[in-house]
N, C-alpha and C. Protein backbone atom coordinates (compact mmCIF):
# COMPACT_ATOMS: atom_id res chain seq x y z
N UNK A 1 86.67 -3.10 -43.60
CA UNK A 1 85.38 -2.51 -44.08
C UNK A 1 84.26 -2.66 -42.85
N UNK A 2 83.67 -1.59 -42.59
CA UNK A 2 82.53 -1.63 -41.58
C UNK A 2 81.36 -2.37 -42.05
N UNK A 3 80.67 -3.13 -41.20
CA UNK A 3 79.46 -3.63 -41.54
C UNK A 3 78.32 -2.61 -41.80
N UNK A 4 77.33 -2.84 -42.45
CA UNK A 4 76.25 -1.95 -42.67
C UNK A 4 75.02 -2.67 -41.86
N UNK A 5 74.43 -1.73 -40.99
CA UNK A 5 73.22 -2.27 -40.20
C UNK A 5 72.33 -1.07 -40.10
N UNK A 6 71.03 -1.38 -40.69
CA UNK A 6 70.07 -0.53 -40.64
C UNK A 6 68.84 -1.13 -39.94
N UNK A 7 68.34 -0.48 -38.93
CA UNK A 7 67.19 -1.04 -38.19
C UNK A 7 65.95 -0.91 -38.93
N UNK A 8 65.17 -2.01 -39.01
CA UNK A 8 63.98 -2.11 -39.64
C UNK A 8 62.88 -1.16 -38.93
N UNK A 9 61.80 -0.68 -39.70
CA UNK A 9 60.74 -0.04 -39.15
C UNK A 9 59.51 -0.63 -39.81
N UNK A 10 58.36 0.07 -39.52
CA UNK A 10 57.10 -0.38 -40.07
C UNK A 10 57.19 -0.25 -41.65
N UNK A 11 58.00 0.68 -42.20
CA UNK A 11 57.96 0.86 -43.63
C UNK A 11 59.29 0.45 -44.24
N UNK A 12 60.31 0.18 -43.43
CA UNK A 12 61.65 -0.07 -44.07
C UNK A 12 62.19 -1.43 -43.60
N UNK A 13 62.96 -2.04 -44.40
CA UNK A 13 63.44 -3.35 -44.01
C UNK A 13 64.72 -3.17 -43.11
N UNK A 14 64.93 -4.22 -42.40
CA UNK A 14 66.17 -4.37 -41.56
C UNK A 14 67.25 -4.71 -42.53
N UNK A 15 68.43 -4.26 -42.47
CA UNK A 15 69.45 -4.53 -43.35
C UNK A 15 70.77 -4.84 -42.56
N UNK A 16 71.39 -5.95 -42.75
CA UNK A 16 72.62 -6.31 -42.14
C UNK A 16 73.49 -6.84 -43.23
N UNK A 17 74.61 -6.07 -43.48
CA UNK A 17 75.65 -6.56 -44.50
C UNK A 17 76.91 -6.67 -43.74
N UNK A 18 77.59 -7.79 -43.95
CA UNK A 18 79.05 -8.06 -43.26
C UNK A 18 80.03 -8.33 -44.46
N UNK A 19 80.99 -7.46 -44.64
CA UNK A 19 81.97 -7.72 -45.68
C UNK A 19 82.92 -8.98 -45.33
N UNK A 20 83.26 -9.07 -44.06
CA UNK A 20 84.23 -10.12 -43.58
C UNK A 20 83.81 -11.49 -44.17
N UNK A 21 82.48 -11.81 -43.93
CA UNK A 21 82.07 -13.23 -44.28
C UNK A 21 81.23 -13.25 -45.58
N UNK A 22 81.01 -12.02 -46.26
CA UNK A 22 80.21 -11.95 -47.36
C UNK A 22 78.70 -12.25 -47.22
N UNK A 23 78.29 -12.02 -46.00
CA UNK A 23 76.81 -12.28 -45.65
C UNK A 23 75.93 -11.07 -45.52
N UNK A 24 74.88 -11.06 -46.19
CA UNK A 24 74.07 -9.91 -46.26
C UNK A 24 72.58 -10.33 -46.14
N UNK A 25 71.83 -9.47 -45.37
CA UNK A 25 70.38 -9.89 -45.26
C UNK A 25 69.55 -8.66 -45.30
N UNK A 26 68.34 -8.74 -45.95
CA UNK A 26 67.32 -7.71 -46.01
C UNK A 26 66.03 -8.37 -45.67
N UNK A 27 65.33 -7.81 -44.61
CA UNK A 27 64.18 -8.48 -44.15
C UNK A 27 63.16 -7.47 -43.66
N UNK A 28 61.83 -7.94 -43.74
CA UNK A 28 60.79 -7.12 -43.34
C UNK A 28 59.94 -6.49 -44.44
N UNK A 29 59.51 -5.19 -44.32
CA UNK A 29 58.71 -4.64 -45.38
C UNK A 29 59.60 -3.48 -45.98
N UNK A 30 59.39 -3.34 -47.29
CA UNK A 30 60.16 -2.20 -48.03
C UNK A 30 59.04 -1.28 -48.71
N UNK A 31 58.50 -0.34 -48.00
CA UNK A 31 57.54 0.63 -48.51
C UNK A 31 57.91 2.02 -48.09
N UNK A 32 59.30 2.30 -48.20
CA UNK A 32 59.59 3.69 -47.65
C UNK A 32 59.04 4.82 -48.57
N UNK A 33 59.00 5.94 -47.85
CA UNK A 33 58.57 7.25 -48.63
C UNK A 33 59.42 7.45 -49.92
N UNK A 34 60.64 7.35 -49.72
CA UNK A 34 61.59 7.56 -50.78
C UNK A 34 62.52 6.39 -50.98
N UNK A 35 62.26 5.40 -51.71
CA UNK A 35 62.98 4.17 -51.82
C UNK A 35 64.46 4.49 -52.21
N UNK A 36 64.74 5.44 -53.14
CA UNK A 36 66.08 5.63 -53.66
C UNK A 36 66.94 6.20 -52.43
N UNK A 37 66.39 7.07 -51.77
CA UNK A 37 67.09 7.62 -50.53
C UNK A 37 67.29 6.58 -49.52
N UNK A 38 66.37 5.68 -49.26
CA UNK A 38 66.65 4.62 -48.39
C UNK A 38 67.72 3.70 -48.75
N UNK A 39 67.73 3.29 -49.99
CA UNK A 39 68.63 2.35 -50.53
C UNK A 39 70.07 2.88 -50.92
N UNK A 40 70.07 4.12 -50.95
CA UNK A 40 71.39 4.81 -51.25
C UNK A 40 72.62 4.37 -50.46
N UNK A 41 72.46 4.24 -49.08
CA UNK A 41 73.52 3.67 -48.30
C UNK A 41 73.92 2.29 -48.57
N UNK A 42 72.98 1.49 -49.01
CA UNK A 42 73.19 0.12 -49.47
C UNK A 42 74.10 0.12 -50.75
N UNK A 43 73.66 0.90 -51.78
CA UNK A 43 74.45 1.03 -52.93
C UNK A 43 75.80 1.46 -52.67
N UNK A 44 76.00 2.44 -51.88
CA UNK A 44 77.33 2.97 -51.57
C UNK A 44 78.16 1.85 -50.82
N UNK A 45 77.62 1.14 -49.86
CA UNK A 45 78.41 0.00 -49.30
C UNK A 45 78.59 -0.97 -50.15
N UNK A 46 77.77 -1.45 -51.12
CA UNK A 46 78.11 -2.43 -52.17
C UNK A 46 79.20 -2.05 -53.20
N UNK A 47 79.18 -0.68 -53.44
CA UNK A 47 80.32 -0.26 -54.34
C UNK A 47 81.69 -0.39 -53.61
N UNK A 48 81.65 0.02 -52.41
CA UNK A 48 82.91 -0.15 -51.59
C UNK A 48 83.31 -1.67 -51.53
N UNK A 49 82.25 -2.53 -51.15
CA UNK A 49 82.53 -4.01 -50.98
C UNK A 49 83.08 -4.54 -52.29
N UNK A 50 82.74 -4.06 -53.42
CA UNK A 50 83.08 -4.52 -54.69
C UNK A 50 84.62 -4.40 -54.89
N UNK A 51 85.28 -3.51 -54.22
CA UNK A 51 86.73 -3.44 -54.36
C UNK A 51 87.44 -4.57 -53.63
N UNK A 52 86.82 -5.20 -52.52
CA UNK A 52 87.50 -6.32 -51.93
C UNK A 52 86.45 -7.28 -51.36
N UNK A 53 85.69 -7.96 -52.24
CA UNK A 53 84.61 -8.79 -51.77
C UNK A 53 85.14 -10.11 -51.22
N UNK A 54 84.32 -10.78 -50.38
CA UNK A 54 84.69 -12.09 -49.98
C UNK A 54 84.57 -13.03 -51.22
N UNK A 55 85.22 -14.13 -51.09
CA UNK A 55 85.16 -15.11 -52.27
C UNK A 55 83.75 -15.66 -52.53
N UNK A 56 82.97 -15.78 -51.53
CA UNK A 56 81.54 -16.10 -51.74
C UNK A 56 80.69 -15.11 -51.06
N UNK A 57 79.70 -14.59 -51.78
CA UNK A 57 78.71 -13.61 -51.20
C UNK A 57 77.40 -14.20 -51.27
N UNK A 58 76.66 -14.15 -50.07
CA UNK A 58 75.32 -14.66 -49.89
C UNK A 58 74.50 -13.52 -49.42
N UNK A 59 73.32 -13.25 -50.14
CA UNK A 59 72.36 -12.37 -49.70
C UNK A 59 71.08 -13.01 -49.51
N UNK A 60 70.59 -12.88 -48.22
CA UNK A 60 69.19 -13.50 -47.87
C UNK A 60 68.13 -12.36 -47.77
N UNK A 61 67.19 -12.47 -48.64
CA UNK A 61 66.14 -11.47 -48.87
C UNK A 61 64.80 -12.22 -48.32
N UNK A 62 64.35 -11.61 -47.25
CA UNK A 62 63.12 -12.15 -46.67
C UNK A 62 62.06 -11.05 -46.42
N UNK A 63 61.42 -10.65 -47.44
CA UNK A 63 60.50 -9.52 -47.31
C UNK A 63 59.15 -9.89 -47.38
N UNK A 64 58.31 -9.39 -46.46
CA UNK A 64 56.86 -9.61 -46.44
C UNK A 64 56.24 -8.96 -47.57
N UNK A 65 56.72 -7.75 -47.95
CA UNK A 65 56.01 -7.01 -48.94
C UNK A 65 57.02 -5.84 -49.45
N UNK A 66 56.97 -5.56 -50.78
CA UNK A 66 57.71 -4.43 -51.24
C UNK A 66 57.04 -3.68 -52.27
N UNK A 67 57.09 -2.40 -52.37
CA UNK A 67 56.34 -1.60 -53.36
C UNK A 67 57.07 -1.50 -54.61
N UNK A 68 56.55 -0.93 -55.63
CA UNK A 68 57.03 -0.83 -56.89
C UNK A 68 58.44 -0.14 -56.94
N UNK A 69 58.53 0.99 -56.22
CA UNK A 69 59.75 1.70 -56.22
C UNK A 69 60.86 0.91 -55.54
N UNK A 70 60.58 0.14 -54.57
CA UNK A 70 61.52 -0.82 -53.87
C UNK A 70 61.93 -1.95 -54.86
N UNK A 71 60.99 -2.40 -55.67
CA UNK A 71 61.33 -3.41 -56.54
C UNK A 71 62.51 -3.03 -57.53
N UNK A 72 62.51 -1.68 -58.02
CA UNK A 72 63.55 -1.24 -58.81
C UNK A 72 64.92 -1.19 -58.07
N UNK A 73 64.81 -0.64 -56.80
CA UNK A 73 65.99 -0.58 -55.96
C UNK A 73 66.58 -1.91 -55.64
N UNK A 74 65.69 -2.95 -55.35
CA UNK A 74 66.19 -4.35 -55.17
C UNK A 74 66.92 -4.83 -56.47
N UNK A 75 66.35 -4.43 -57.65
CA UNK A 75 66.91 -4.92 -58.90
C UNK A 75 68.40 -4.29 -59.03
N UNK A 76 68.48 -3.07 -58.65
CA UNK A 76 69.79 -2.43 -58.67
C UNK A 76 70.74 -3.09 -57.65
N UNK A 77 70.32 -3.55 -56.50
CA UNK A 77 71.17 -4.32 -55.52
C UNK A 77 71.74 -5.61 -56.26
N UNK A 78 70.69 -6.30 -56.85
CA UNK A 78 71.04 -7.66 -57.54
C UNK A 78 72.01 -7.32 -58.62
N UNK A 79 71.79 -6.24 -59.42
CA UNK A 79 72.70 -5.87 -60.57
C UNK A 79 74.15 -5.71 -60.03
N UNK A 80 74.32 -4.96 -58.98
CA UNK A 80 75.56 -4.80 -58.47
C UNK A 80 76.25 -6.07 -58.01
N UNK A 81 75.48 -6.94 -57.40
CA UNK A 81 76.01 -8.19 -57.04
C UNK A 81 76.31 -9.14 -58.31
N UNK A 82 75.44 -8.98 -59.29
CA UNK A 82 75.76 -9.78 -60.56
C UNK A 82 76.98 -9.32 -61.25
N UNK A 83 77.27 -8.10 -61.13
CA UNK A 83 78.51 -7.46 -61.74
C UNK A 83 79.73 -8.07 -61.02
N UNK A 84 79.73 -8.21 -59.73
CA UNK A 84 80.75 -8.91 -58.96
C UNK A 84 81.03 -10.38 -59.45
N UNK A 85 79.95 -11.04 -59.67
CA UNK A 85 80.09 -12.40 -60.13
C UNK A 85 80.69 -12.37 -61.59
N UNK A 86 80.16 -11.58 -62.48
CA UNK A 86 80.57 -11.53 -63.85
C UNK A 86 82.05 -11.15 -63.95
N UNK A 87 82.60 -10.40 -63.10
CA UNK A 87 83.89 -9.96 -63.06
C UNK A 87 84.86 -11.00 -62.38
N UNK A 88 84.13 -12.11 -61.88
CA UNK A 88 84.96 -13.13 -61.23
C UNK A 88 85.49 -12.84 -59.90
N UNK A 89 84.97 -11.79 -59.20
CA UNK A 89 85.52 -11.30 -57.98
C UNK A 89 84.89 -12.17 -56.78
N UNK A 90 83.70 -12.68 -56.99
CA UNK A 90 83.00 -13.34 -55.95
C UNK A 90 81.91 -14.27 -56.50
N UNK A 91 81.61 -15.40 -55.90
CA UNK A 91 80.52 -16.26 -56.28
C UNK A 91 79.38 -15.88 -55.55
N UNK A 92 78.23 -15.42 -56.17
CA UNK A 92 77.09 -14.88 -55.49
C UNK A 92 76.00 -15.73 -55.49
N UNK A 93 75.26 -15.76 -54.42
CA UNK A 93 74.00 -16.59 -54.21
C UNK A 93 72.93 -15.65 -53.56
N UNK A 94 71.78 -15.65 -54.04
CA UNK A 94 70.64 -14.95 -53.38
C UNK A 94 69.66 -16.03 -52.90
N UNK A 95 69.54 -15.94 -51.52
CA UNK A 95 68.45 -16.82 -50.87
C UNK A 95 67.19 -15.96 -50.75
N UNK A 96 66.27 -16.30 -51.72
CA UNK A 96 64.89 -15.50 -51.74
C UNK A 96 63.92 -16.37 -50.93
N UNK A 97 63.57 -15.76 -49.86
CA UNK A 97 62.68 -16.45 -48.90
C UNK A 97 61.21 -15.91 -49.20
N UNK A 98 60.27 -16.89 -49.13
CA UNK A 98 58.85 -16.46 -49.41
C UNK A 98 57.98 -17.37 -48.59
N UNK A 99 56.92 -16.89 -48.16
CA UNK A 99 55.86 -17.67 -47.43
C UNK A 99 55.20 -18.57 -48.30
N UNK A 100 54.90 -19.78 -47.77
CA UNK A 100 54.40 -20.86 -48.55
C UNK A 100 53.18 -20.45 -49.46
N UNK A 101 52.32 -19.66 -48.84
CA UNK A 101 51.05 -19.19 -49.64
C UNK A 101 51.35 -18.01 -50.59
N UNK A 102 52.51 -17.45 -50.56
CA UNK A 102 52.69 -16.26 -51.20
C UNK A 102 53.38 -16.38 -52.60
N UNK A 103 52.51 -16.84 -53.49
CA UNK A 103 52.97 -17.00 -54.87
C UNK A 103 53.61 -15.83 -55.58
N UNK A 104 53.07 -14.62 -55.30
CA UNK A 104 53.53 -13.53 -55.98
C UNK A 104 55.09 -13.15 -55.51
N UNK A 105 55.39 -13.41 -54.20
CA UNK A 105 56.70 -13.17 -53.76
C UNK A 105 57.62 -14.30 -54.44
N UNK A 106 57.22 -15.49 -54.58
CA UNK A 106 58.04 -16.50 -55.09
C UNK A 106 58.29 -16.13 -56.57
N UNK A 107 57.19 -15.66 -57.35
CA UNK A 107 57.38 -15.38 -58.64
C UNK A 107 58.21 -14.08 -58.90
N UNK A 108 58.33 -13.20 -57.94
CA UNK A 108 59.14 -12.01 -57.89
C UNK A 108 60.70 -12.46 -57.93
N UNK A 109 60.91 -13.46 -56.98
CA UNK A 109 62.24 -13.92 -56.99
C UNK A 109 62.69 -14.61 -58.28
N UNK A 110 61.69 -15.42 -58.77
CA UNK A 110 61.95 -16.09 -60.09
C UNK A 110 62.33 -14.95 -61.24
N UNK A 111 61.49 -13.84 -61.14
CA UNK A 111 61.59 -12.81 -62.20
C UNK A 111 63.05 -12.14 -62.08
N UNK A 112 63.49 -11.85 -60.80
CA UNK A 112 64.76 -11.22 -60.54
C UNK A 112 65.88 -12.14 -61.06
N UNK A 113 65.77 -13.46 -60.81
CA UNK A 113 66.70 -14.43 -61.13
C UNK A 113 66.89 -14.36 -62.81
N UNK A 114 65.78 -14.26 -63.45
CA UNK A 114 65.74 -14.33 -64.94
C UNK A 114 66.36 -13.03 -65.42
N UNK A 115 66.16 -11.84 -64.72
CA UNK A 115 66.70 -10.62 -65.19
C UNK A 115 68.20 -10.44 -64.93
N UNK A 116 68.60 -10.90 -63.76
CA UNK A 116 70.07 -10.59 -63.31
C UNK A 116 71.00 -11.77 -63.69
N UNK A 117 70.41 -12.99 -63.84
CA UNK A 117 71.22 -14.07 -64.24
C UNK A 117 72.36 -14.62 -63.10
N UNK A 118 71.93 -14.39 -61.89
CA UNK A 118 72.76 -14.94 -60.83
C UNK A 118 71.92 -15.88 -60.04
N UNK A 119 72.49 -16.98 -59.41
CA UNK A 119 71.67 -17.99 -58.81
C UNK A 119 70.79 -17.54 -57.72
N UNK A 120 69.48 -17.96 -57.75
CA UNK A 120 68.60 -17.59 -56.63
C UNK A 120 68.18 -18.97 -56.07
N UNK A 121 68.14 -19.16 -54.81
CA UNK A 121 67.60 -20.20 -54.06
C UNK A 121 66.18 -19.68 -53.65
N UNK A 122 65.28 -20.22 -54.20
CA UNK A 122 63.86 -19.86 -53.83
C UNK A 122 63.50 -20.75 -52.65
N UNK A 123 63.30 -20.27 -51.49
CA UNK A 123 63.10 -21.03 -50.25
C UNK A 123 61.83 -20.66 -49.54
N UNK A 124 60.92 -21.71 -49.33
CA UNK A 124 59.73 -21.51 -48.66
C UNK A 124 59.96 -21.41 -47.21
N UNK A 125 59.22 -20.44 -46.55
CA UNK A 125 59.34 -20.23 -45.08
C UNK A 125 57.89 -20.69 -44.44
N UNK A 126 58.02 -21.37 -43.52
CA UNK A 126 56.80 -21.72 -42.78
C UNK A 126 56.20 -20.57 -42.18
N UNK A 127 54.82 -20.36 -42.22
CA UNK A 127 54.07 -19.36 -41.73
C UNK A 127 53.81 -19.71 -40.26
N UNK A 128 54.14 -18.83 -39.28
CA UNK A 128 53.86 -19.15 -37.84
C UNK A 128 52.51 -18.78 -37.35
């Protein structure tokens, strides 16, 4: 299965997903004009990945900011990963990165964890 790589822009996050080692990363800002359109290739990749996932899947999410429509799309990503874990296909961990001063981002990670029921590691990032 081919990796998924989407270059980040001022409005869209960088995305790097690798099926071989089960490592995934989303970073930057997520404020695209059309969130559903932007996240569609990610959904499709995850659907394909679900047929032969790695034994352990880790997704690192390090977003500076995301808008309301992106929050729904991220929830859909997490739900797809939760389905993998519930089916016993892969052990899923979300590494939710947030800047020390950004309580809203920390709470967003906490909220996602409560909704989808997969383990989130809430990790503080030093602001440079």
